[in-house]
C-alpha atoms as a PDB file:
ATOM      1  CA  MET A   1       0.000   0.000   0.000  1.00  0.00           C
ATOM      2  CA  GLN A   2       1.261   3.484  -1.067  1.00  0.00           C
ATOM      3  CA  THR A   3       0.976   6.244   1.472  1.00  0.00           C
ATOM      4  CA  THR A   4       0.131   9.798   0.269  1.00  0.00           C
ATOM      5  CA  ASP A   5       2.605  12.400   1.438  1.00  0.00           C
ATOM      6  CA  ASN A   6       0.569  15.345   2.793  1.00  0.00           C
ATOM      7  CA  THR A   7       3.535  17.186   4.060  1.00  0.00           C
ATOM      8  CA  ILE A   8       3.496  20.845   2.921  1.00  0.00           C
ATOM      9  CA  ASP A   9       6.683  22.094   1.462  1.00  0.00           C
ATOM     10  CA  PRO A  10       7.391  25.500   2.998  1.00  0.00           C
ATOM     11  CA  GLN A  11       9.023  26.674  -0.205  1.00  0.00           C
ATOM     12  CA  ASN A  12       5.960  25.831  -2.276  1.00  0.00           C
ATOM     13  CA  GLU A  13       3.741  27.606   0.221  1.00  0.00           C
ATOM     14  CA  ASN A  14       5.775  30.787  -0.108  1.00  0.00           C
ATOM     15  CA  VAL A  15       5.496  30.631  -3.857  1.00  0.00           C
ATOM     16  CA  GLU A  16       1.709  30.270  -3.663  1.00  0.00           C
ATOM     17  CA  LEU A  17       1.399  33.201  -1.274  1.00  0.00           C
ATOM     18  CA  THR A  18       3.540  35.334  -3.508  1.00  0.00           C
ATOM     19  CA  ASP A  19       1.376  34.510  -6.480  1.00  0.00           C
ATOM     20  CA  ASN A  20      -1.763  35.427  -4.526  1.00  0.00           C
ATOM     21  CA  ASN A  21      -0.245  38.759  -3.504  1.00  0.00           C
ATOM     22  CA  ASP A  22       0.689  39.538  -7.077  1.00  0.00           C
ATOM     23  CA  VAL A  23      -2.855  38.793  -8.221  1.00  0.00           C
ATOM     24  CA  GLN A  24      -4.267  40.999  -5.479  1.00  0.00           C
ATOM     25  CA  ASN A  25      -1.910  43.843  -6.383  1.00  0.00           C
ATOM     26  CA  ALA A  26      -2.819  43.548 -10.048  1.00  0.00           C
ATOM     27  CA  GLN A  27      -6.496  43.702  -9.196  1.00  0.00           C
ATOM     28  CA  ASN A  28      -5.930  46.753  -7.024  1.00  0.00           C
ATOM     29  CA  ASN A  29      -4.014  48.464  -9.854  1.00  0.00           C
ATOM     30  CA  VAL A  30      -6.809  47.750 -12.328  1.00  0.00           C
ATOM     31  CA  THR A  31      -9.394  49.115  -9.882  1.00  0.00           C
ATOM     32  CA  ALA A  32      -7.307  52.250  -9.349  1.00  0.00           C
ATOM     33  CA  GLU A  33      -6.855  52.688 -13.083  1.00  0.00           C
ATOM     34  CA  ASN A  34     -10.595  52.337 -13.588  1.00  0.00           C
ATOM     35  CA  ASN A  35     -11.277  54.880 -10.858  1.00  0.00           C
ATOM     36  CA  GLU A  36      -8.774  57.421 -12.254  1.00  0.00           C
ATOM     37  CA  PRO A  37     -10.097  59.552 -15.208  1.00  0.00           C
ATOM     38  CA  THR A  38      -8.432  58.916 -18.521  1.00  0.00           C
ATOM     39  CA  THR A  39      -6.559  61.662 -20.373  1.00  0.00           C
ATOM     40  CA  SER A  40      -9.264  61.848 -23.043  1.00  0.00           C
ATOM     41  CA  GLN A  41     -11.985  62.177 -20.439  1.00  0.00           C
ATOM     42  CA  THR A  42     -10.099  64.955 -18.672  1.00  0.00           C
ATOM     43  CA  SER A  43      -9.529  66.835 -21.951  1.00  0.00           C
ATOM     44  CA  SER A  44     -13.191  66.487 -22.893  1.00  0.00           C
ATOM     45  CA  GLU A  45     -14.385  67.806 -19.567  1.00  0.00           C
ATOM     46  CA  GLN A  46     -11.944  70.702 -19.777  1.00  0.00           C
ATOM     47  CA  ALA A  47     -13.103  71.522 -23.308  1.00  0.00           C
ATOM     48  CA  ASN A  48     -16.729  71.419 -22.201  1.00  0.00           C
ATOM     49  CA  SER A  49     -15.918  73.735 -19.315  1.00  0.00           C
ATOM     50  CA  GLU A  50     -14.087  76.167 -21.579  1.00  0.00           C
ATOM     51  CA  GLN A  51     -16.938  76.054 -24.118  1.00  0.00           C
ATOM     52  CA  ALA A  52     -19.469  76.840 -21.404  1.00  0.00           C
ATOM     53  CA  ALA A  53     -17.312  79.741 -20.200  1.00  0.00           C
ATOM     54  CA  ASN A  54     -16.950  81.068 -23.764  1.00  0.00           C
ATOM     55  CA  THR A  55     -20.691  80.755 -24.353  1.00  0.00           C
ATOM     56  CA  HIS A  56     -21.377  82.731 -21.203  1.00  0.00           C
ATOM     57  CA  THR A  57     -18.885  85.406 -22.276  1.00  0.00           C
ATOM     58  CA  ILE A  58     -20.423  85.601 -25.762  1.00  0.00           C
ATOM     59  CA  ASP A  59     -23.938  85.855 -24.319  1.00  0.00           C
ATOM     60  CA  HIS A  60     -22.824  88.638 -22.008  1.00  0.00           C
ATOM     61  CA  THR A  61     -21.117  90.468 -24.889  1.00  0.00           C
ATOM     62  CA  LEU A  62     -24.166  90.117 -27.139  1.00  0.00           C
ATOM     63  CA  GLN A  63     -26.445  91.342 -24.386  1.00  0.00           C
ATOM     64  CA  LYS A  64     -24.224  94.383 -23.892  1.00  0.00           C
ATOM     65  CA  GLN A  65     -24.184  95.092 -27.632  1.00  0.00           C
ATOM     66  CA  ILE A  66     -27.972  94.773 -27.793  1.00  0.00           C
ATOM     67  CA  GLU A  67     -28.338  97.256 -24.945  1.00  0.00           C
ATOM     68  CA  GLU A  68     -25.938  99.669 -26.656  1.00  0.00           C
ATOM     69  CA  LEU A  69     -27.839  99.332 -29.948  1.00  0.00           C
ATOM     70  CA  ASN A  70     -31.159  99.921 -28.210  1.00  0.00           C
ATOM     71  CA  THR A  71     -29.725 103.042 -26.615  1.00  0.00           C
ATOM     72  CA  GLU A  72     -28.453 104.276 -29.985  1.00  0.00           C
ATOM     73  CA  VAL A  73     -31.819 103.527 -31.621  1.00  0.00           C
ATOM     74  CA  ASN A  74     -33.598 105.563 -28.951  1.00  0.00           C
ATOM     75  CA  VAL A  75     -31.159 108.452 -29.450  1.00  0.00           C
ATOM     76  CA  GLN A  76     -31.628 108.402 -33.223  1.00  0.00           C
ATOM     77  CA  LYS A  77     -35.391 108.095 -32.841  1.00  0.00           C
ATOM     78  CA  ASP A  78     -35.430 111.162 -30.606  1.00  0.00           C
ATOM     79  CA  LYS A  79     -33.323 113.081 -33.141  1.00  0.00           C
ATOM     80  CA  TYR A  80     -35.674 112.028 -35.939  1.00  0.00           C
ATOM     81  CA  ILE A  81     -38.751 113.152 -34.038  1.00  0.00           C
ATOM     82  CA  ARG A  82     -37.141 116.510 -33.277  1.00  0.00           C
ATOM     83  CA  LEU A  83     -36.075 116.906 -36.915  1.00  0.00           C
ATOM     84  CA  VAL A  84     -39.578 116.148 -38.186  1.00  0.00           C
ATOM     85  CA  ALA A  85     -41.039 118.653 -35.742  1.00  0.00           C
ATOM     86  CA  GLU A  86     -38.536 121.321 -36.796  1.00  0.00           C
ATOM     87  CA  PHE A  87     -39.266 120.656 -40.476  1.00  0.00           C
ATOM     88  CA  ASP A  88     -43.019 120.952 -39.891  1.00  0.00           C
ATOM     89  CA  ASN A  89     -42.474 124.269 -38.119  1.00  0.00           C
ATOM     90  CA  TYR A  90     -40.214 125.449 -40.958  1.00  0.00           C
ATOM     91  CA  LYS A  91     -42.783 124.403 -43.573  1.00  0.00           C
ATOM     92  CA  ARG A  92     -45.616 126.207 -41.805  1.00  0.00           C
ATOM     93  CA  ARG A  93     -43.465 129.305 -41.349  1.00  0.00           C
ATOM     94  CA  THR A  94     -42.386 129.245 -45.004  1.00  0.00           C
ATOM     95  CA  LEU A  95     -45.957 128.856 -46.241  1.00  0.00           C
ATOM     96  CA  LYS A  96     -47.052 131.779 -44.105  1.00  0.00           C
ATOM     97  CA  GLU A  97     -44.169 133.947 -45.329  1.00  0.00           C
ATOM     98  CA  ARG A  98     -44.951 133.009 -48.930  1.00  0.00           C
ATOM     99  CA  SER A  99     -48.610 133.811 -48.427  1.00  0.00           C
ATOM    100  CA  ASP A 100     -47.718 137.173 -46.898  1.00  0.00           C
ATOM    101  CA  LEU A 101     -45.285 137.853 -49.745  1.00  0.00           C
ATOM    102  CA  ILE A 102     -47.932 137.117 -52.374  1.00  0.00           C
ATOM    103  CA  LYS A 103     -50.366 139.443 -50.645  1.00  0.00           C
ATOM    104  CA  THR A 104     -47.854 142.286 -50.378  1.00  0.00           C
ATOM    105  CA  ALA A 105     -45.656 141.570 -53.434  1.00  0.00           C
ATOM    106  CA  GLY A 106     -46.869 144.656 -55.289  1.00  0.00           C
ATOM    107  CA  GLU A 107     -46.940 146.893 -52.246  1.00  0.00           C
ATOM    108  CA  ASP A 108     -43.619 148.584 -53.010  1.00  0.00           C
ATOM    109  CA  ILE A 109     -44.498 149.149 -56.662  1.00  0.00           C
ATOM    110  CA  LEU A 110     -47.931 150.489 -55.866  1.00  0.00           C
ATOM    111  CA  LEU A 111     -46.529 152.744 -53.179  1.00  0.00           C
ATOM    112  CA  ASN A 112     -44.137 154.288 -55.694  1.00  0.00           C
ATOM    113  CA  LEU A 113     -46.879 154.641 -58.298  1.00  0.00           C
ATOM    114  CA  LEU A 114     -49.062 156.704 -56.011  1.00  0.00           C
ATOM    115  CA  PRO A 115     -47.072 159.932 -56.649  1.00  0.00           C
ATOM    116  CA  VAL A 116     -47.597 159.394 -60.377  1.00  0.00           C
ATOM    117  CA  MET A 117     -51.329 159.074 -59.731  1.00  0.00           C
ATOM    118  CA  ASP A 118     -51.196 162.287 -57.710  1.00  0.00           C
ATOM    119  CA  ASN A 119     -49.488 164.099 -60.589  1.00  0.00           C
ATOM    120  CA  PHE A 120     -52.135 162.868 -63.059  1.00  0.00           C
ATOM    121  CA  GLU A 121     -54.917 164.133 -60.806  1.00  0.00           C
ATOM    122  CA  ARG A 122     -53.225 167.537 -60.549  1.00  0.00           C
ATOM    123  CA  ALA A 123     -52.761 167.614 -64.328  1.00  0.00           C
ATOM    124  CA  ILE A 124     -56.430 166.850 -64.940  1.00  0.00           C
ATOM    125  CA  LYS A 125     -57.494 169.673 -62.662  1.00  0.00           C
ATOM    126  CA  PHE A 126     -54.986 171.996 -64.299  1.00  0.00           C
ATOM    127  CA  VAL A 127     -56.219 171.133 -67.817  1.00  0.00           C
ATOM    128  CA  GLU A 128     -59.771 172.088 -66.884  1.00  0.00           C
ATOM    129  CA  THR A 129     -58.738 175.670 -66.177  1.00  0.00           C
ATOM    130  CA  ALA A 130     -55.472 176.038 -68.109  1.00  0.00           C
ATOM    131  CA  LYS A 131     -55.237 178.527 -70.915  1.00  0.00           C
ATOM    132  CA  ASP A 132     -51.651 177.810 -71.954  1.00  0.00           C
ATOM    133  CA  PRO A 133     -51.209 174.629 -74.080  1.00  0.00           C
ATOM    134  CA  GLU A 134     -47.471 174.679 -73.472  1.00  0.00           C
ATOM    135  CA  ALA A 135     -47.979 174.472 -69.734  1.00  0.00           C
ATOM    136  CA  ILE A 136     -50.243 171.428 -70.217  1.00  0.00           C
ATOM    137  CA  LYS A 137     -47.670 169.788 -72.465  1.00  0.00           C
ATOM    138  CA  GLU A 138     -44.927 170.461 -69.961  1.00  0.00           C
ATOM    139  CA  GLY A 139     -46.951 168.940 -67.129  1.00  0.00           C
ATOM    140  CA  ILE A 140     -47.678 165.777 -69.131  1.00  0.00           C
ATOM    141  CA  ASN A 141     -44.016 165.399 -70.060  1.00  0.00           C
ATOM    142  CA  LEU A 142     -43.046 165.774 -66.409  1.00  0.00           C
ATOM    143  CA  ILE A 143     -45.441 163.000 -65.362  1.00  0.00           C
ATOM    144  CA  TYR A 144     -44.179 160.731 -68.162  1.00  0.00           C
ATOM    145  CA  SER A 145     -40.559 161.401 -67.183  1.00  0.00           C
ATOM    146  CA  ASN A 146     -41.257 160.551 -63.536  1.00  0.00           C
ATOM    147  CA  LEU A 147     -42.998 157.319 -64.488  1.00  0.00           C
ATOM    148  CA  LYS A 148     -40.226 156.302 -66.875  1.00  0.00           C
ATOM    149  CA  THR A 149     -37.565 156.967 -64.228  1.00  0.00           C
ATOM    150  CA  PHE A 150     -39.482 154.875 -61.721  1.00  0.00           C
ATOM    151  CA  LEU A 151     -39.747 151.944 -64.140  1.00  0.00           C
ATOM    152  CA  GLN A 152     -36.026 152.124 -64.942  1.00  0.00           C
ATOM    153  CA  GLN A 153     -35.231 152.024 -61.235  1.00  0.00           C
ATOM    154  CA  LYS A 154     -37.229 148.789 -61.045  1.00  0.00           C
ATOM    155  CA  GLY A 155     -35.226 147.220 -63.878  1.00  0.00           C
ATOM    156  CA  VAL A 156     -37.711 147.862 -66.692  1.00  0.00           C
ATOM    157  CA  LYS A 157     -36.015 148.781 -69.945  1.00  0.00           C
ATOM    158  CA  GLU A 158     -37.451 149.499 -73.390  1.00  0.00           C
ATOM    159  CA  ILE A 159     -36.562 147.127 -76.244  1.00  0.00           C
ATOM    160  CA  GLU A 160     -34.930 149.020 -79.075  1.00  0.00           C
ATOM    161  CA  SER A 161     -36.683 148.039 -82.269  1.00  0.00           C
ATOM    162  CA  VAL A 162     -36.787 150.688 -85.011  1.00  0.00           C
ATOM    163  CA  ASN A 163     -34.183 150.077 -87.738  1.00  0.00           C
ATOM    164  CA  GLN A 164     -33.058 146.901 -85.921  1.00  0.00           C
ATOM    165  CA  GLU A 165     -32.843 143.447 -87.483  1.00  0.00           C
ATOM    166  CA  PHE A 166     -36.027 141.507 -86.889  1.00  0.00           C
ATOM    167  CA  ASN A 167     -35.404 139.199 -83.893  1.00  0.00           C
ATOM    168  CA  THR A 168     -38.032 136.641 -82.895  1.00  0.00           C
ATOM    169  CA  ASP A 169     -36.569 136.592 -79.382  1.00  0.00           C
ATOM    170  CA  VAL A 170     -37.813 140.138 -78.727  1.00  0.00           C
ATOM    171  CA  HIS A 171     -40.052 141.091 -81.667  1.00  0.00           C
ATOM    172  CA  GLU A 172     -43.520 140.058 -82.769  1.00  0.00           C
ATOM    173  CA  ALA A 173     -44.205 140.837 -86.427  1.00  0.00           C
ATOM    174  CA  LEU A 174     -47.720 142.112 -87.059  1.00  0.00           C
ATOM    175  CA  THR A 175     -47.321 142.809 -90.753  1.00  0.00           C
ATOM    176  CA  LYS A 176     -44.861 143.466 -93.581  1.00  0.00           C
ATOM    177  CA  ILE A 177     -44.644 146.461 -95.870  1.00  0.00           C
ATOM    178  CA  PRO A 178     -42.330 147.422 -98.700  1.00  0.00           C
ATOM    179  CA  ALA A 179     -39.077 148.689 -97.208  1.00  0.00           C
ATOM    180  CA  PRO A 180     -38.666 152.462 -97.638  1.00  0.00           C
ATOM    181  CA  ALA A 181     -34.954 151.865 -98.307  1.00  0.00           C
ATOM    182  CA  GLU A 182     -32.863 148.927 -99.508  1.00  0.00           C
ATOM    183  CA  GLU A 183     -30.960 148.723 -96.253  1.00  0.00           C
ATOM    184  CA  LEU A 184     -34.225 148.372 -94.255  1.00  0.00           C
ATOM    185  CA  LYS A 185     -35.260 145.085 -95.865  1.00  0.00           C
ATOM    186  CA  GLY A 186     -35.709 142.499 -93.148  1.00  0.00           C
ATOM    187  CA  LYS A 187     -35.567 145.168 -90.494  1.00  0.00           C
ATOM    188  CA  VAL A 188     -38.133 146.818 -88.215  1.00  0.00           C
ATOM    189  CA  VAL A 189     -39.515 149.913 -89.905  1.00  0.00           C
ATOM    190  CA  ASP A 190     -42.234 150.756 -87.391  1.00  0.00           C
ATOM    191  CA  VAL A 191     -43.326 149.878 -83.847  1.00  0.00           C
ATOM    192  CA  ILE A 192     -47.007 149.435 -83.080  1.00  0.00           C
ATOM    193  CA  GLU A 193     -46.460 148.637 -79.404  1.00  0.00           C
ATOM    194  CA  LYS A 194     -43.199 148.922 -77.499  1.00  0.00           C
ATOM    195  CA  GLY A 195     -41.626 145.925 -75.861  1.00  0.00           C
ATOM    196  CA  TYR A 196     -39.868 145.838 -72.503  1.00  0.00           C
ATOM    197  CA  PHE A 197     -37.234 143.919 -70.552  1.00  0.00           C
ATOM    198  CA  LEU A 198     -37.385 143.332 -66.838  1.00  0.00           C
ATOM    199  CA  HIS A 199     -33.659 143.079 -66.214  1.00  0.00           C
ATOM    200  CA  ASP A 200     -32.708 140.444 -68.840  1.00  0.00           C
ATOM    201  CA  LYS A 201     -36.147 138.878 -69.265  1.00  0.00           C
ATOM    202  CA  VAL A 202     -38.605 139.934 -71.955  1.00  0.00           C
ATOM    203  CA  ILE A 203     -41.848 140.805 -70.199  1.00  0.00           C
ATOM    204  CA  ARG A 204     -43.526 142.103 -73.358  1.00  0.00           C
ATOM    205  CA  PHE A 205     -42.579 141.535 -76.981  1.00  0.00           C
ATOM    206  CA  ALA A 206     -42.420 144.548 -79.238  1.00  0.00           C
ATOM    207  CA  LYS A 207     -45.172 144.481 -81.883  1.00  0.00           C
ATOM    208  CA  VAL A 208     -43.480 145.655 -85.057  1.00  0.00           C
ATOM    209  CA  VAL A 209     -43.805 146.128 -88.812  1.00  0.00           C
ATOM    210  CA  ILE A 210     -41.121 144.506 -91.016  1.00  0.00           C
ATOM    211  CA  GLY A 211     -39.750 145.967 -94.233  1.00  0.00           C
ATOM    212  CA  GLU A 212     -39.464 143.672 -97.268  1.00  0.00           C
END
């Protein structure tokens, strides 16, 4: 009969214990590694944190810009309202001034014509009792001279027509007659009604007769 040797070799026991310790240490290392965050996880969390911070900064900046724009809009709106009000006041004032000007435009002219009217009234009274024709003629010439001077002061000037080349810019031909001289063909030989300039503008064409 063979007897089983159950004696434990101390050396083998040490080896087994060592192996168990190594296994335990390895397990502990794995657990620690699992508990520690990986580099990629850390980077991702950091990126998310930075992104959140940037988003907050951007939102704050946009909010500030919106407030500034709203302030500027209110300022411009106030300026616009004031400008519209000023323009309305200007328009009303201008319309009133224009209306007043139209009503009184001829006031100065009429005021200066009144002395001429006075002279005509004196002349009429004088004619009724005058015995000297020369005195009447002199009075009429004086009135005419005063009126002509007044018109010249206002810029009214007579259009020279007689013996001038016919010019459609200032003349209106009423008729044609045989020219009394060769050099008067195509020229004005008579004036039926005088024409006048007001400064450089024709205010009445001269009605003339043309030689042919």
